[in-house]
C-alpha atoms as a PDB file:
ATOM      1  CA  MET A   1     101.767  72.247  93.327  1.00  0.00           C
ATOM      2  CA  MET A   2     101.226  69.559  95.918  1.00  0.00           C
ATOM      3  CA  TYR A   3     102.101  69.702  99.594  1.00  0.00           C
ATOM      4  CA  LEU A   4     102.290  66.199 101.045  1.00  0.00           C
ATOM      5  CA  LYS A   5     100.871  65.620 104.547  1.00  0.00           C
ATOM      6  CA  GLU A   6     100.326  69.367 105.183  1.00  0.00           C
ATOM      7  CA  CYS A   7      96.549  69.572 105.776  1.00  0.00           C
ATOM      8  CA  PRO A   8      95.922  71.161 109.189  1.00  0.00           C
ATOM      9  CA  LYS A   9      92.665  69.219 109.562  1.00  0.00           C
ATOM     10  CA  CYS A  10      93.536  65.626 108.599  1.00  0.00           C
ATOM     11  CA  HIS A  11      97.257  65.722 107.688  1.00  0.00           C
ATOM     12  CA  GLY A  12      96.385  64.808 104.109  1.00  0.00           C
ATOM     13  CA  ASP A  13      97.819  66.116 100.850  1.00  0.00           C
ATOM     14  CA  LEU A  14      97.145  69.709  99.772  1.00  0.00           C
ATOM     15  CA  ASN A  15      96.795  70.753  96.153  1.00  0.00           C
ATOM     16  CA  THR A  16      97.003  74.369  94.953  1.00  0.00           C
ATOM     17  CA  GLY A  17      94.604  75.752  92.377  1.00  0.00           C
ATOM     18  CA  GLU A  18      93.325  78.992  90.913  1.00  0.00           C
ATOM     19  CA  ASP A  19      89.889  80.197  89.822  1.00  0.00           C
ATOM     20  CA  ILE A  20      88.233  83.528  89.048  1.00  0.00           C
ATOM     21  CA  HIS A  21      88.353  84.481  92.744  1.00  0.00           C
ATOM     22  CA  GLY A  22      92.092  83.866  93.172  1.00  0.00           C
ATOM     23  CA  ARG A  23      94.447  81.156  94.373  1.00  0.00           C
ATOM     24  CA  TYR A  24      93.541  78.489  96.931  1.00  0.00           C
ATOM     25  CA  VAL A  25      94.709  75.209  98.480  1.00  0.00           C
ATOM     26  CA  SER A  26      92.461  72.193  98.948  1.00  0.00           C
ATOM     27  CA  CYS A  27      92.950  68.857 100.646  1.00  0.00           C
ATOM     28  CA  LEU A  28      92.524  65.779  98.462  1.00  0.00           C
ATOM     29  CA  GLN A  29      91.397  63.597 101.390  1.00  0.00           C
ATOM     30  CA  CYS A  30      88.997  65.718 103.484  1.00  0.00           C
ATOM     31  CA  GLY A  31      88.122  68.661 101.201  1.00  0.00           C
ATOM     32  CA  TYR A  32      89.641  71.372 103.411  1.00  0.00           C
ATOM     33  CA  LEU A  33      89.721  74.631 101.422  1.00  0.00           C
ATOM     34  CA  ARG A  34      91.693  77.800 102.136  1.00  0.00           C
ATOM     35  CA  ASP A  35      92.179  80.958 100.047  1.00  0.00           C
ATOM     36  CA  LEU A  36      95.753  82.120  99.549  1.00  0.00           C
ATOM     37  CA  PRO A  37      96.647  85.796  99.894  1.00  0.00           C
ATOM     38  CA  GLU A  38      97.004  87.568  96.565  1.00  0.00           C
ATOM     39  CA  GLU A  39     100.327  88.899  95.437  1.00  0.00           C
ATOM     40  CA  ASN A  40      99.827  92.380  94.048  1.00  0.00           C
ATOM     41  CA  SER A  41     101.694  92.369  90.773  1.00  0.00           C
ATOM     42  CA  HIS A  42     100.823  95.944  89.841  1.00  0.00           C
ATOM     43  CA  PRO A  43     102.698  98.612  91.863  1.00  0.00           C
ATOM     44  CA  LEU A  44      99.546 100.749  92.251  1.00  0.00           C
ATOM     45  CA  ALA A  45      97.244  97.880  93.245  1.00  0.00           C
ATOM     46  CA  GLY A  46      95.379  98.450  96.499  1.00  0.00           C
ATOM     47  CA  LYS A  47      96.068 102.194  96.661  1.00  0.00           C
ATOM     48  CA  THR A  48      93.369 104.850  96.652  1.00  0.00           C
ATOM     49  CA  PHE A  49      93.652 107.997  94.600  1.00  0.00           C
ATOM     50  CA  VAL A  50      91.543 111.146  94.755  1.00  0.00           C
ATOM     51  CA  ILE A  51      91.085 112.909  91.450  1.00  0.00           C
ATOM     52  CA  ASP A  52      89.726 116.436  91.605  1.00  0.00           C
ATOM     53  CA  ALA A  53      87.107 117.063  88.953  1.00  0.00           C
ATOM     54  CA  PRO A  54      86.889 120.532  87.422  1.00  0.00           C
ATOM     55  CA  LYS A  55      84.259 122.705  89.061  1.00  0.00           C
ATOM     56  CA  THR A  56      81.285 123.643  86.949  1.00  0.00           C
ATOM     57  CA  ALA A  57      80.651 127.319  86.262  1.00  0.00           C
ATOM     58  CA  LYS A  58      77.741 128.869  88.115  1.00  0.00           C
ATOM     59  CA  LYS A  59      74.743 129.568  85.944  1.00  0.00           C
ATOM     60  CA  ARG A  60      73.377 133.075  85.866  1.00  0.00           C
ATOM     61  CA  GLN A  61      69.797 133.513  86.858  1.00  0.00           C
ATOM     62  CA  LYS A  62      67.684 135.733  84.641  1.00  0.00           C
ATOM     63  CA  LYS A  63      65.804 138.533  86.315  1.00  0.00           C
ATOM     64  CA  VAL A  64      62.126 138.325  85.548  1.00  0.00           C
ATOM     65  CA  ARG A  65      60.258 141.600  85.047  1.00  0.00           C
ATOM     66  CA  GLN A  66      56.971 141.742  86.726  1.00  0.00           C
ATOM     67  CA  ALA A  67      54.064 143.166  84.734  1.00  0.00           C
ATOM     68  CA  ALA A  68      52.964 146.491  86.098  1.00  0.00           C
END
């Protein structure tokens, strides 16, 4: 999408694009570049979950007989 005369630096034309890092806008005249905020499409995106792992059983220690 193009935004005509919207560049905050030179009042040039902005063009939107997307790469592996996310969406961005760039100015065709001066090269101004700005990342756009991501829209979280997944309802659980950005949330932290704590999963309790099962506790391991304690190992028994063998008693060692001392030679008399």
